[in-house]
Amino acid sequence: MAVDKLQPNDPRVQSATANLRGKTYHYLHGKPAGAVKGTIMLVHGWPDLSFGWRYQVPLFLSLGLQVIVPDCLGYGGTDAPQDVALYSHKSVCDDLAELVRQICGPDEQIILGGHDWGGMVVWRFALWHPQLLRGVFSICTPYVSPSPVFVDIAHMVERLPNFAYQAQLAGPDVEREIGSDPDKLRGLLKGMYGAKGPNGERVFSVENGVAFEHLDKMGQCPLLDQDEVEYYVKQYSRTGIRGPLNWYRTRKVNYDEEVALIKDGKPPRITTPALMVVARGDAALPPRMSQGMEANFDSLKKVEVDGPHWALWEPFAGQTNHEIEAFVQGILSGSAKASI
């Protein structure tokens, strides 16, 4: 059976904005039809939008949860400032903590989920703001402890060749070649979400990044319908590609801020009940990257699902949603409790 999903401008969620520490964030806000059993916030990654959680929002509403899904900094209807430091994990976590307080008040704890860069954000949120959490989960993105030694992007790629694309995204080429051009953005987005050229050309690989010569060749997108493609293009055309790419330019500022999380030479622990959903076919974040991460948690459940990096979406959403739902129901029932 097909998984229910939001449509662009779906009436089940409202489009709203909030001023968060001097920046305007756009977010989708949905409330269940009956009693509210809790609140869940969902954080997207690259090159996505709040709409990337369209297959999960109806599920959470059906479970009685209030749902908050922001466009992350640099994306969609949210501001895209020039200052790279504002895109650091701590800065974004502080923004999202303020959003929680504005919507839920100072005392409510939420469930927090992330995918891709959003997964990195939610793990860091669990370190910087554990008092705001009932549970935390990540799709595809493993937890990585703050590093006591700075590792630049070149040395990171030596260790993790599957991250070679990040060196390109952090540099000037993609921003210069694509900018806010709707046609180039359309080619990029369709290609990122599975479209190919007439001879099998691909617009992106983890080994090489974006292949600019193929941007105008992309055919039908298998993961987005035409209305969804145009929705993404319209949102990206608003401020262009610079903001999303700034997330790849924060290695040094993240390192500088996260040194404070290391106490007496020991890495921090995540005390919040946690779920890690590994996608078996993820080329960017392969399953091996999550090995051993449980050593940093008081309570972690790890599961694997079929599918690639886009395991949130059909045809993979059913299995992913099943795992998330089981975790969320455990939080709501009180069978999983934070140790803070």
C-alpha atoms as a PDB file:
ATOM      1  CA  MET A   1       0.000   0.000   0.000  1.00  0.00           C
ATOM      2  CA  ALA A   2       1.328   3.433  -0.923  1.00  0.00           C
ATOM      3  CA  VAL A   3       2.513   5.636   1.918  1.00  0.00           C
ATOM      4  CA  ASP A   4       0.478   8.810   2.412  1.00  0.00           C
ATOM      5  CA  LYS A   5       2.444  11.973   1.709  1.00  0.00           C
ATOM      6  CA  LEU A   6       2.080  15.731   1.770  1.00  0.00           C
ATOM      7  CA  GLN A   7       1.559  17.592  -1.483  1.00  0.00           C
ATOM      8  CA  PRO A   8       3.045  21.033  -2.149  1.00  0.00           C
ATOM      9  CA  ASN A   9       0.940  23.538  -0.181  1.00  0.00           C
ATOM     10  CA  ASP A  10      -0.864  20.689   1.604  1.00  0.00           C
ATOM     11  CA  PRO A  11      -3.639  21.938   3.936  1.00  0.00           C
ATOM     12  CA  ARG A  12      -2.601  19.477   6.658  1.00  0.00           C
ATOM     13  CA  VAL A  13       0.345  21.748   7.474  1.00  0.00           C
ATOM     14  CA  GLN A  14       0.581  25.498   7.746  1.00  0.00           C
ATOM     15  CA  SER A  15       3.435  27.595   6.393  1.00  0.00           C
ATOM     16  CA  ALA A  16       4.856  29.825   9.122  1.00  0.00           C
ATOM     17  CA  THR A  17       7.919  31.930   9.948  1.00  0.00           C
ATOM     18  CA  ALA A  18       9.783  32.764  13.129  1.00  0.00           C
ATOM     19  CA  ASN A  19      12.594  35.132  14.050  1.00  0.00           C
ATOM     20  CA  LEU A  20      15.310  32.968  15.568  1.00  0.00           C
ATOM     21  CA  ARG A  21      18.262  34.871  16.994  1.00  0.00           C
ATOM     22  CA  GLY A  22      18.056  37.502  14.271  1.00  0.00           C
ATOM     23  CA  LYS A  23      17.311  35.152  11.347  1.00  0.00           C
ATOM     24  CA  THR A  24      13.954  34.436   9.745  1.00  0.00           C
ATOM     25  CA  TYR A  25      13.191  30.731   9.488  1.00  0.00           C
ATOM     26  CA  HIS A  26      10.362  29.251   7.469  1.00  0.00           C
ATOM     27  CA  TYR A  27       8.789  26.063   8.784  1.00  0.00           C
ATOM     28  CA  LEU A  28       5.870  23.732   8.201  1.00  0.00           C
ATOM     29  CA  HIS A  29       3.607  23.276  11.220  1.00  0.00           C
ATOM     30  CA  GLY A  30       1.002  20.560  11.593  1.00  0.00           C
ATOM     31  CA  LYS A  31      -1.302  19.674  14.466  1.00  0.00           C
ATOM     32  CA  PRO A  32      -3.154  16.360  14.866  1.00  0.00           C
ATOM     33  CA  ALA A  33      -6.928  16.180  14.645  1.00  0.00           C
ATOM     34  CA  GLY A  34      -7.279  14.902  18.216  1.00  0.00           C
ATOM     35  CA  ALA A  35      -5.384  15.305  21.456  1.00  0.00           C
ATOM     36  CA  VAL A  36      -1.734  16.330  21.159  1.00  0.00           C
ATOM     37  CA  LYS A  37       0.501  13.632  22.649  1.00  0.00           C
ATOM     38  CA  GLY A  38       3.766  15.428  22.027  1.00  0.00           C
ATOM     39  CA  THR A  39       5.857  17.349  19.527  1.00  0.00           C
ATOM     40  CA  ILE A  40       8.304  16.165  16.892  1.00  0.00           C
ATOM     41  CA  MET A  41      10.738  18.302  14.915  1.00  0.00           C
ATOM     42  CA  LEU A  42      12.258  17.044  11.661  1.00  0.00           C
ATOM     43  CA  VAL A  43      15.497  18.411  10.182  1.00  0.00           C
ATOM     44  CA  HIS A  44      16.402  17.942   6.505  1.00  0.00           C
ATOM     45  CA  GLY A  45      19.765  17.849   4.747  1.00  0.00           C
ATOM     46  CA  TRP A  46      21.251  18.605   1.312  1.00  0.00           C
ATOM     47  CA  PRO A  47      19.877  19.251  -1.244  1.00  0.00           C
ATOM     48  CA  ASP A  48      16.499  19.042   0.419  1.00  0.00           C
ATOM     49  CA  LEU A  49      13.798  21.148   2.042  1.00  0.00           C
ATOM     50  CA  SER A  50      11.293  20.736   4.841  1.00  0.00           C
ATOM     51  CA  PHE A  51       9.175  19.082   2.127  1.00  0.00           C
ATOM     52  CA  GLY A  52      11.678  16.208   2.144  1.00  0.00           C
ATOM     53  CA  TRP A  53       9.769  14.807   5.148  1.00  0.00           C
ATOM     54  CA  ARG A  54       6.503  14.648   3.171  1.00  0.00           C
ATOM     55  CA  TYR A  55       6.177  10.866   3.647  1.00  0.00           C
ATOM     56  CA  GLN A  56       6.639  11.093   7.417  1.00  0.00           C
ATOM     57  CA  VAL A  57       4.524  14.099   8.435  1.00  0.00           C
ATOM     58  CA  PRO A  58       1.151  12.341   7.876  1.00  0.00           C
ATOM     59  CA  LEU A  59       2.361   9.400   9.965  1.00  0.00           C
ATOM     60  CA  PHE A  60       3.336  11.597  12.891  1.00  0.00           C
ATOM     61  CA  LEU A  61       0.069  13.530  12.727  1.00  0.00           C
ATOM     62  CA  SER A  62      -1.782  10.210  12.881  1.00  0.00           C
ATOM     63  CA  LEU A  63       0.166   9.337  16.046  1.00  0.00           C
ATOM     64  CA  GLY A  64      -1.110  12.497  17.750  1.00  0.00           C
ATOM     65  CA  LEU A  65       2.065  14.507  17.393  1.00  0.00           C
ATOM     66  CA  GLN A  66       2.435  18.184  16.659  1.00  0.00           C
ATOM     67  CA  VAL A  67       4.928  18.373  13.782  1.00  0.00           C
ATOM     68  CA  ILE A  68       7.484  21.143  13.159  1.00  0.00           C
ATOM     69  CA  VAL A  69       9.608  20.960  10.006  1.00  0.00           C
ATOM     70  CA  PRO A  70      11.924  23.924   9.339  1.00  0.00           C
ATOM     71  CA  ASP A  71      13.642  24.863   6.116  1.00  0.00           C
ATOM     72  CA  CYS A  72      17.218  24.830   7.385  1.00  0.00           C
ATOM     73  CA  LEU A  73      19.383  27.918   7.218  1.00  0.00           C
ATOM     74  CA  GLY A  74      20.134  28.806   3.588  1.00  0.00           C
ATOM     75  CA  TYR A  75      17.208  26.834   2.168  1.00  0.00           C
ATOM     76  CA  GLY A  76      13.727  27.552   0.848  1.00  0.00           C
ATOM     77  CA  GLY A  77      11.891  30.266   2.718  1.00  0.00           C
ATOM     78  CA  THR A  78      14.549  30.610   5.427  1.00  0.00           C
ATOM     79  CA  ASP A  79      17.201  33.321   5.369  1.00  0.00           C
ATOM     80  CA  ALA A  80      20.492  32.566   3.581  1.00  0.00           C
ATOM     81  CA  PRO A  81      23.075  34.798   5.287  1.00  0.00           C
ATOM     82  CA  GLN A  82      26.572  35.234   3.884  1.00  0.00           C
ATOM     83  CA  ASP A  83      28.408  34.550   7.169  1.00  0.00           C
ATOM     84  CA  VAL A  84      29.515  30.902   7.126  1.00  0.00           C
ATOM     85  CA  ALA A  85      29.801  30.811  10.927  1.00  0.00           C
ATOM     86  CA  LEU A  86      26.010  31.080  11.196  1.00  0.00           C
ATOM     87  CA  TYR A  87      25.739  27.654   9.531  1.00  0.00           C
ATOM     88  CA  SER A  88      27.762  25.843  12.197  1.00  0.00           C
ATOM     89  CA  HIS A  89      26.111  22.925  13.921  1.00  0.00           C
ATOM     90  CA  LYS A  90      26.014  24.738  17.257  1.00  0.00           C
ATOM     91  CA  SER A  91      24.558  27.899  15.748  1.00  0.00           C
ATOM     92  CA  VAL A  92      21.846  25.959  13.913  1.00  0.00           C
ATOM     93  CA  CYS A  93      21.112  23.910  17.056  1.00  0.00           C
ATOM     94  CA  ASP A  94      20.727  27.124  19.033  1.00  0.00           C
ATOM     95  CA  ASP A  95      18.330  28.432  16.360  1.00  0.00           C
ATOM     96  CA  LEU A  96      16.224  25.269  16.507  1.00  0.00           C
ATOM     97  CA  ALA A  97      16.212  25.280  20.312  1.00  0.00           C
ATOM     98  CA  GLU A  98      14.770  28.797  20.157  1.00  0.00           C
ATOM     99  CA  LEU A  99      12.106  27.593  17.708  1.00  0.00           C
ATOM    100  CA  VAL A 100      11.134  24.821  20.126  1.00  0.00           C
ATOM    101  CA  ARG A 101      10.803  27.325  22.960  1.00  0.00           C
ATOM    102  CA  GLN A 102       8.737  29.730  20.874  1.00  0.00           C
ATOM    103  CA  ILE A 103       6.258  27.059  19.779  1.00  0.00           C
ATOM    104  CA  CYS A 104       6.225  24.722  22.769  1.00  0.00           C
ATOM    105  CA  GLY A 105       7.194  26.929  25.689  1.00  0.00           C
ATOM    106  CA  PRO A 106      10.250  26.589  27.959  1.00  0.00           C
ATOM    107  CA  ASP A 107       9.453  23.220  29.530  1.00  0.00           C
ATOM    108  CA  GLU A 108       8.225  20.788  26.859  1.00  0.00           C
ATOM    109  CA  GLN A 109      10.576  18.105  25.595  1.00  0.00           C
ATOM    110  CA  ILE A 110      10.348  17.040  21.945  1.00  0.00           C
ATOM    111  CA  ILE A 111      11.304  14.123  19.733  1.00  0.00           C
ATOM    112  CA  LEU A 112      13.886  15.161  17.146  1.00  0.00           C
ATOM    113  CA  GLY A 113      14.697  13.483  13.828  1.00  0.00           C
ATOM    114  CA  GLY A 114      17.184  14.271  11.076  1.00  0.00           C
ATOM    115  CA  HIS A 115      18.420  13.098   7.680  1.00  0.00           C
ATOM    116  CA  ASP A 116      21.738  13.838   5.941  1.00  0.00           C
ATOM    117  CA  TRP A 117      23.081  17.126   7.403  1.00  0.00           C
ATOM    118  CA  GLY A 118      19.936  17.123   9.517  1.00  0.00           C
ATOM    119  CA  GLY A 119      21.171  13.899  11.089  1.00  0.00           C
ATOM    120  CA  MET A 120      24.409  15.586  12.096  1.00  0.00           C
ATOM    121  CA  VAL A 121      22.395  18.480  13.536  1.00  0.00           C
ATOM    122  CA  VAL A 122      20.164  16.277  15.683  1.00  0.00           C
ATOM    123  CA  TRP A 123      23.132  14.388  17.165  1.00  0.00           C
ATOM    124  CA  ARG A 124      24.764  17.729  18.025  1.00  0.00           C
ATOM    125  CA  PHE A 125      21.452  19.031  19.389  1.00  0.00           C
ATOM    126  CA  ALA A 126      21.457  16.033  21.756  1.00  0.00           C
ATOM    127  CA  LEU A 127      24.847  17.240  23.047  1.00  0.00           C
ATOM    128  CA  TRP A 128      24.121  20.969  23.240  1.00  0.00           C
ATOM    129  CA  HIS A 129      20.444  20.855  24.336  1.00  0.00           C
ATOM    130  CA  PRO A 130      19.678  17.422  25.871  1.00  0.00           C
ATOM    131  CA  GLN A 131      17.191  18.940  28.317  1.00  0.00           C
ATOM    132  CA  LEU A 132      14.843  19.674  25.398  1.00  0.00           C
ATOM    133  CA  LEU A 133      14.675  16.070  24.142  1.00  0.00           C
ATOM    134  CA  ARG A 134      12.531  12.993  24.781  1.00  0.00           C
ATOM    135  CA  GLY A 135      14.172  11.056  21.961  1.00  0.00           C
ATOM    136  CA  VAL A 136      16.395  11.561  18.925  1.00  0.00           C
ATOM    137  CA  PHE A 137      16.794   9.661  15.662  1.00  0.00           C
ATOM    138  CA  SER A 138      18.839   9.920  12.489  1.00  0.00           C
ATOM    139  CA  ILE A 139      18.213   8.499   9.043  1.00  0.00           C
ATOM    140  CA  CYS A 140      21.466   7.575   7.245  1.00  0.00           C
ATOM    141  CA  THR A 141      23.783   9.909   9.181  1.00  0.00           C
ATOM    142  CA  PRO A 142      25.942   8.205  11.822  1.00  0.00           C
ATOM    143  CA  TYR A 143      27.081   9.888  14.998  1.00  0.00           C
ATOM    144  CA  VAL A 144      30.675  11.136  14.942  1.00  0.00           C
ATOM    145  CA  SER A 145      32.256  12.358  18.165  1.00  0.00           C
ATOM    146  CA  PRO A 146      33.709  15.863  18.310  1.00  0.00           C
ATOM    147  CA  SER A 147      37.344  15.670  17.301  1.00  0.00           C
ATOM    148  CA  PRO A 148      40.177  16.803  19.608  1.00  0.00           C
ATOM    149  CA  VAL A 149      42.271  17.469  16.472  1.00  0.00           C
ATOM    150  CA  PHE A 150      41.256  19.537  13.457  1.00  0.00           C
ATOM    151  CA  VAL A 151      40.995  17.531  10.226  1.00  0.00           C
ATOM    152  CA  ASP A 152      40.783  19.613   7.058  1.00  0.00           C
ATOM    153  CA  ILE A 153      38.662  18.547   4.131  1.00  0.00           C
ATOM    154  CA  ALA A 154      41.567  17.164   2.099  1.00  0.00           C
ATOM    155  CA  HIS A 155      42.612  14.799   4.890  1.00  0.00           C
ATOM    156  CA  MET A 156      38.982  13.836   5.528  1.00  0.00           C
ATOM    157  CA  VAL A 157      38.630  12.766   1.878  1.00  0.00           C
ATOM    158  CA  GLU A 158      41.816  10.696   2.196  1.00  0.00           C
ATOM    159  CA  ARG A 159      40.167   8.801   5.044  1.00  0.00           C
ATOM    160  CA  LEU A 160      36.684   8.724   3.501  1.00  0.00           C
ATOM    161  CA  PRO A 161      36.791   8.711  -0.325  1.00  0.00           C
ATOM    162  CA  ASN A 162      32.983   8.573  -0.334  1.00  0.00           C
ATOM    163  CA  PHE A 163      33.132  12.212   0.835  1.00  0.00           C
ATOM    164  CA  ALA A 164      35.167  13.424  -2.155  1.00  0.00           C
ATOM    165  CA  TYR A 165      32.148  15.366  -3.434  1.00  0.00           C
ATOM    166  CA  GLN A 166      32.250  17.539  -0.313  1.00  0.00           C
ATOM    167  CA  ALA A 167      35.520  19.142  -1.422  1.00  0.00           C
ATOM    168  CA  GLN A 168      33.831  20.297  -4.619  1.00  0.00           C
ATOM    169  CA  LEU A 169      30.703  21.537  -2.852  1.00  0.00           C
ATOM    170  CA  ALA A 170      32.794  23.498  -0.345  1.00  0.00           C
ATOM    171  CA  GLY A 171      34.710  25.225  -3.152  1.00  0.00           C
ATOM    172  CA  PRO A 172      33.585  27.916  -5.613  1.00  0.00           C
ATOM    173  CA  ASP A 173      32.712  25.815  -8.686  1.00  0.00           C
ATOM    174  CA  VAL A 174      29.139  24.678  -7.936  1.00  0.00           C
ATOM    175  CA  GLU A 175      28.107  28.097  -6.680  1.00  0.00           C
ATOM    176  CA  ARG A 176      29.605  29.769  -9.750  1.00  0.00           C
ATOM    177  CA  GLU A 177      28.172  27.315 -12.291  1.00  0.00           C
ATOM    178  CA  ILE A 178      24.643  26.968 -10.893  1.00  0.00           C
ATOM    179  CA  GLY A 179      23.907  30.035  -8.767  1.00  0.00           C
ATOM    180  CA  SER A 180      20.160  30.678  -8.820  1.00  0.00           C
ATOM    181  CA  ASP A 181      19.551  29.684 -12.485  1.00  0.00           C
ATOM    182  CA  PRO A 182      16.236  27.752 -12.514  1.00  0.00           C
ATOM    183  CA  ASP A 183      17.193  25.508 -15.426  1.00  0.00           C
ATOM    184  CA  LYS A 184      20.511  24.502 -13.876  1.00  0.00           C
ATOM    185  CA  LEU A 185      18.882  24.033 -10.486  1.00  0.00           C
ATOM    186  CA  ARG A 186      16.244  21.825 -12.129  1.00  0.00           C
ATOM    187  CA  GLY A 187      18.933  19.685 -13.729  1.00  0.00           C
ATOM    188  CA  LEU A 188      20.857  19.403 -10.473  1.00  0.00           C
ATOM    189  CA  LEU A 189      17.834  18.516  -8.354  1.00  0.00           C
ATOM    190  CA  LYS A 190      16.434  15.997 -10.817  1.00  0.00           C
ATOM    191  CA  GLY A 191      19.830  14.372 -11.113  1.00  0.00           C
ATOM    192  CA  MET A 192      20.364  14.262  -7.370  1.00  0.00           C
ATOM    193  CA  TYR A 193      17.011  12.516  -7.051  1.00  0.00           C
ATOM    194  CA  GLY A 194      17.728   9.773  -9.542  1.00  0.00           C
ATOM    195  CA  ALA A 195      17.179  11.190 -13.039  1.00  0.00           C
ATOM    196  CA  LYS A 196      19.615  10.249 -15.808  1.00  0.00           C
ATOM    197  CA  GLY A 197      20.466  11.466 -19.277  1.00  0.00           C
ATOM    198  CA  PRO A 198      19.480   9.649 -22.499  1.00  0.00           C
ATOM    199  CA  ASN A 199      22.704   7.633 -22.430  1.00  0.00           C
ATOM    200  CA  GLY A 200      22.681   7.010 -18.702  1.00  0.00           C
ATOM    201  CA  GLU A 201      24.544  10.216 -17.836  1.00  0.00           C
ATOM    202  CA  ARG A 202      24.496  11.143 -14.161  1.00  0.00           C
ATOM    203  CA  VAL A 203      24.714  14.633 -12.760  1.00  0.00           C
ATOM    204  CA  PHE A 204      26.293  13.619  -9.447  1.00  0.00           C
ATOM    205  CA  SER A 205      28.551  11.001  -7.897  1.00  0.00           C
ATOM    206  CA  VAL A 206      30.109  10.807  -4.446  1.00  0.00           C
ATOM    207  CA  GLU A 207      33.523  10.354  -6.094  1.00  0.00           C
ATOM    208  CA  ASN A 208      33.382  13.437  -8.345  1.00  0.00           C
ATOM    209  CA  GLY A 209      30.535  15.675  -7.211  1.00  0.00           C
ATOM    210  CA  VAL A 210      28.452  17.583  -9.768  1.00  0.00           C
ATOM    211  CA  ALA A 211      29.020  16.958 -13.491  1.00  0.00           C
ATOM    212  CA  PHE A 212      28.068  20.352 -14.929  1.00  0.00           C
ATOM    213  CA  GLU A 213      28.115  19.085 -18.529  1.00  0.00           C
ATOM    214  CA  HIS A 214      25.125  16.846 -17.775  1.00  0.00           C
ATOM    215  CA  LEU A 215      22.845  19.408 -16.093  1.00  0.00           C
ATOM    216  CA  ASP A 216      20.772  19.945 -19.241  1.00  0.00           C
ATOM    217  CA  LYS A 217      20.412  16.227 -20.035  1.00  0.00           C
ATOM    218  CA  MET A 218      18.357  14.979 -17.109  1.00  0.00           C
ATOM    219  CA  GLY A 219      15.183  13.091 -17.980  1.00  0.00           C
ATOM    220  CA  GLN A 220      12.233  12.152 -15.777  1.00  0.00           C
ATOM    221  CA  CYS A 221      12.928  12.141 -12.053  1.00  0.00           C
ATOM    222  CA  PRO A 222      11.991   8.823 -10.388  1.00  0.00           C
ATOM    223  CA  LEU A 223      11.645  10.175  -6.847  1.00  0.00           C
ATOM    224  CA  LEU A 224       9.788  13.463  -7.483  1.00  0.00           C
ATOM    225  CA  ASP A 225       6.749  14.031  -9.665  1.00  0.00           C
ATOM    226  CA  GLN A 226       6.646  17.069 -11.937  1.00  0.00           C
ATOM    227  CA  ASP A 227       4.792  19.283  -9.453  1.00  0.00           C
ATOM    228  CA  GLU A 228       7.319  18.383  -6.759  1.00  0.00           C
ATOM    229  CA  VAL A 229      10.258  19.124  -9.063  1.00  0.00           C
ATOM    230  CA  GLU A 230       8.873  22.571  -9.818  1.00  0.00           C
ATOM    231  CA  TYR A 231       8.208  23.184  -6.121  1.00  0.00           C
ATOM    232  CA  TYR A 232      11.860  22.430  -5.340  1.00  0.00           C
ATOM    233  CA  VAL A 233      13.103  24.604  -8.218  1.00  0.00           C
ATOM    234  CA  LYS A 234      10.962  27.546  -7.113  1.00  0.00           C
ATOM    235  CA  GLN A 235      12.200  27.274  -3.525  1.00  0.00           C
ATOM    236  CA  TYR A 236      15.849  27.014  -4.562  1.00  0.00           C
ATOM    237  CA  SER A 237      15.594  29.874  -7.033  1.00  0.00           C
ATOM    238  CA  ARG A 238      14.660  32.232  -4.206  1.00  0.00           C
ATOM    239  CA  THR A 239      18.203  32.586  -2.815  1.00  0.00           C
ATOM    240  CA  GLY A 240      20.227  30.202  -4.981  1.00  0.00           C
ATOM    241  CA  ILE A 241      22.691  27.488  -4.124  1.00  0.00           C
ATOM    242  CA  ARG A 242      25.140  29.445  -1.946  1.00  0.00           C
ATOM    243  CA  GLY A 243      23.282  28.977   1.337  1.00  0.00           C
ATOM    244  CA  PRO A 244      23.008  25.182   1.074  1.00  0.00           C
ATOM    245  CA  LEU A 245      26.669  24.944   0.073  1.00  0.00           C
ATOM    246  CA  ASN A 246      27.732  26.941   3.130  1.00  0.00           C
ATOM    247  CA  TRP A 247      26.999  23.832   5.203  1.00  0.00           C
ATOM    248  CA  TYR A 248      30.094  22.271   3.599  1.00  0.00           C
ATOM    249  CA  ARG A 249      32.269  25.241   4.579  1.00  0.00           C
ATOM    250  CA  THR A 250      31.961  24.991   8.366  1.00  0.00           C
ATOM    251  CA  ARG A 251      34.580  22.385   9.284  1.00  0.00           C
ATOM    252  CA  LYS A 252      36.844  24.813  11.146  1.00  0.00           C
ATOM    253  CA  VAL A 253      34.110  26.688  12.981  1.00  0.00           C
ATOM    254  CA  ASN A 254      32.490  23.384  13.994  1.00  0.00           C
ATOM    255  CA  TYR A 255      35.809  22.141  15.335  1.00  0.00           C
ATOM    256  CA  ASP A 256      36.460  25.348  17.261  1.00  0.00           C
ATOM    257  CA  GLU A 257      33.019  25.285  18.900  1.00  0.00           C
ATOM    258  CA  GLU A 258      32.883  21.565  19.648  1.00  0.00           C
ATOM    259  CA  VAL A 259      36.193  21.373  21.495  1.00  0.00           C
ATOM    260  CA  ALA A 260      34.173  22.576  24.495  1.00  0.00           C
ATOM    261  CA  LEU A 261      32.179  19.316  24.427  1.00  0.00           C
ATOM    262  CA  ILE A 262      35.300  17.256  25.168  1.00  0.00           C
ATOM    263  CA  LYS A 263      35.802  17.080  28.949  1.00  0.00           C
ATOM    264  CA  ASP A 264      39.047  15.821  30.480  1.00  0.00           C
ATOM    265  CA  GLY A 265      40.000  14.330  27.142  1.00  0.00           C
ATOM    266  CA  LYS A 266      36.851  12.191  27.022  1.00  0.00           C
ATOM    267  CA  PRO A 267      34.268  12.416  24.230  1.00  0.00           C
ATOM    268  CA  PRO A 268      30.725  13.375  25.257  1.00  0.00           C
ATOM    269  CA  ARG A 269      27.917  10.827  25.557  1.00  0.00           C
ATOM    270  CA  ILE A 270      24.378  11.077  24.238  1.00  0.00           C
ATOM    271  CA  THR A 271      22.043  10.318  27.120  1.00  0.00           C
ATOM    272  CA  THR A 272      18.774  10.721  25.205  1.00  0.00           C
ATOM    273  CA  PRO A 273      17.105   7.524  23.892  1.00  0.00           C
ATOM    274  CA  ALA A 274      18.251   7.261  20.280  1.00  0.00           C
ATOM    275  CA  LEU A 275      17.592   5.455  17.015  1.00  0.00           C
ATOM    276  CA  MET A 276      19.993   5.085  14.073  1.00  0.00           C
ATOM    277  CA  VAL A 277      18.426   3.979  10.770  1.00  0.00           C
ATOM    278  CA  VAL A 278      21.099   2.776   8.342  1.00  0.00           C
ATOM    279  CA  ALA A 279      20.300   2.598   4.611  1.00  0.00           C
ATOM    280  CA  ARG A 280      22.051  -0.409   3.082  1.00  0.00           C
ATOM    281  CA  GLY A 281      22.438   1.216  -0.340  1.00  0.00           C
ATOM    282  CA  ASP A 282      23.642   4.651   0.767  1.00  0.00           C
ATOM    283  CA  ALA A 283      26.733   5.557  -1.270  1.00  0.00           C
ATOM    284  CA  ALA A 284      27.426   8.813   0.603  1.00  0.00           C
ATOM    285  CA  LEU A 285      26.915   7.418   4.120  1.00  0.00           C
ATOM    286  CA  PRO A 286      27.542   3.665   3.782  1.00  0.00           C
ATOM    287  CA  PRO A 287      26.606   1.317   6.641  1.00  0.00           C
ATOM    288  CA  ARG A 288      30.222   0.822   7.721  1.00  0.00           C
ATOM    289  CA  MET A 289      30.324   4.428   8.940  1.00  0.00           C
ATOM    290  CA  SER A 290      27.893   3.669  11.781  1.00  0.00           C
ATOM    291  CA  GLN A 291      29.950   0.791  13.173  1.00  0.00           C
ATOM    292  CA  GLY A 292      30.939   1.349  16.789  1.00  0.00           C
ATOM    293  CA  MET A 293      28.875   4.492  17.338  1.00  0.00           C
ATOM    294  CA  GLU A 294      26.900   2.789  20.110  1.00  0.00           C
ATOM    295  CA  ALA A 295      29.903   3.292  22.428  1.00  0.00           C
ATOM    296  CA  ASN A 296      28.885   6.968  22.694  1.00  0.00           C
ATOM    297  CA  PHE A 297      25.269   6.359  23.765  1.00  0.00           C
ATOM    298  CA  ASP A 298      23.441   5.376  26.927  1.00  0.00           C
ATOM    299  CA  SER A 299      20.549   3.956  24.871  1.00  0.00           C
ATOM    300  CA  LEU A 300      20.844   3.388  21.115  1.00  0.00           C
ATOM    301  CA  LYS A 301      18.867   1.137  18.784  1.00  0.00           C
ATOM    302  CA  LYS A 302      20.392   0.551  15.335  1.00  0.00           C
ATOM    303  CA  VAL A 303      18.387  -0.868  12.440  1.00  0.00           C
ATOM    304  CA  GLU A 304      19.010  -1.302   8.716  1.00  0.00           C
ATOM    305  CA  VAL A 305      16.557  -0.668   5.900  1.00  0.00           C
ATOM    306  CA  ASP A 306      16.710  -1.240   2.180  1.00  0.00           C
ATOM    307  CA  GLY A 307      17.219   1.649  -0.159  1.00  0.00           C
ATOM    308  CA  PRO A 308      19.706   4.387  -1.005  1.00  0.00           C
ATOM    309  CA  HIS A 309      20.371   7.722   0.647  1.00  0.00           C
ATOM    310  CA  TRP A 310      16.755   8.747  -0.034  1.00  0.00           C
ATOM    311  CA  ALA A 311      15.303   6.079   2.252  1.00  0.00           C
ATOM    312  CA  LEU A 312      12.705   8.570   3.535  1.00  0.00           C
ATOM    313  CA  TRP A 313      10.887   8.457   0.207  1.00  0.00           C
ATOM    314  CA  GLU A 314       8.946   5.901  -1.789  1.00  0.00           C
ATOM    315  CA  PRO A 315       9.524   3.148  -2.704  1.00  0.00           C
ATOM    316  CA  PHE A 316      11.468   2.870   0.563  1.00  0.00           C
ATOM    317  CA  ALA A 317       9.345   4.998   2.916  1.00  0.00           C
ATOM    318  CA  GLY A 318       7.195   2.149   4.227  1.00  0.00           C
ATOM    319  CA  GLN A 319      10.068   0.235   5.809  1.00  0.00           C
ATOM    320  CA  THR A 320      11.750   3.374   7.113  1.00  0.00           C
ATOM    321  CA  ASN A 321       8.506   4.666   8.596  1.00  0.00           C
ATOM    322  CA  HIS A 322       7.922   1.309  10.307  1.00  0.00           C
ATOM    323  CA  GLU A 323      11.225   1.616  12.179  1.00  0.00           C
ATOM    324  CA  ILE A 324      10.688   5.261  13.096  1.00  0.00           C
ATOM    325  CA  GLU A 325       7.138   4.607  14.266  1.00  0.00           C
ATOM    326  CA  ALA A 326       8.234   1.790  16.571  1.00  0.00           C
ATOM    327  CA  PHE A 327      10.836   4.065  18.149  1.00  0.00           C
ATOM    328  CA  VAL A 328       8.449   7.012  18.523  1.00  0.00           C
ATOM    329  CA  GLN A 329       5.731   4.823  20.021  1.00  0.00           C
ATOM    330  CA  GLY A 330       8.256   3.616  22.594  1.00  0.00           C
ATOM    331  CA  ILE A 331       9.014   7.218  23.535  1.00  0.00           C
ATOM    332  CA  LEU A 332       5.338   8.140  23.775  1.00  0.00           C
ATOM    333  CA  SER A 333       4.512   5.074  25.876  1.00  0.00           C
ATOM    334  CA  GLY A 334       7.324   5.817  28.304  1.00  0.00           C
ATOM    335  CA  SER A 335       9.116   2.534  27.674  1.00  0.00           C
ATOM    336  CA  ALA A 336      12.217   4.511  26.639  1.00  0.00           C
ATOM    337  CA  LYS A 337      13.388   7.232  29.016  1.00  0.00           C
ATOM    338  CA  ALA A 338      16.251   9.697  28.973  1.00  0.00           C
ATOM    339  CA  SER A 339      18.883   9.268  31.637  1.00  0.00           C
ATOM    340  CA  ILE A 340      19.469  12.997  32.179  1.00  0.00           C
END
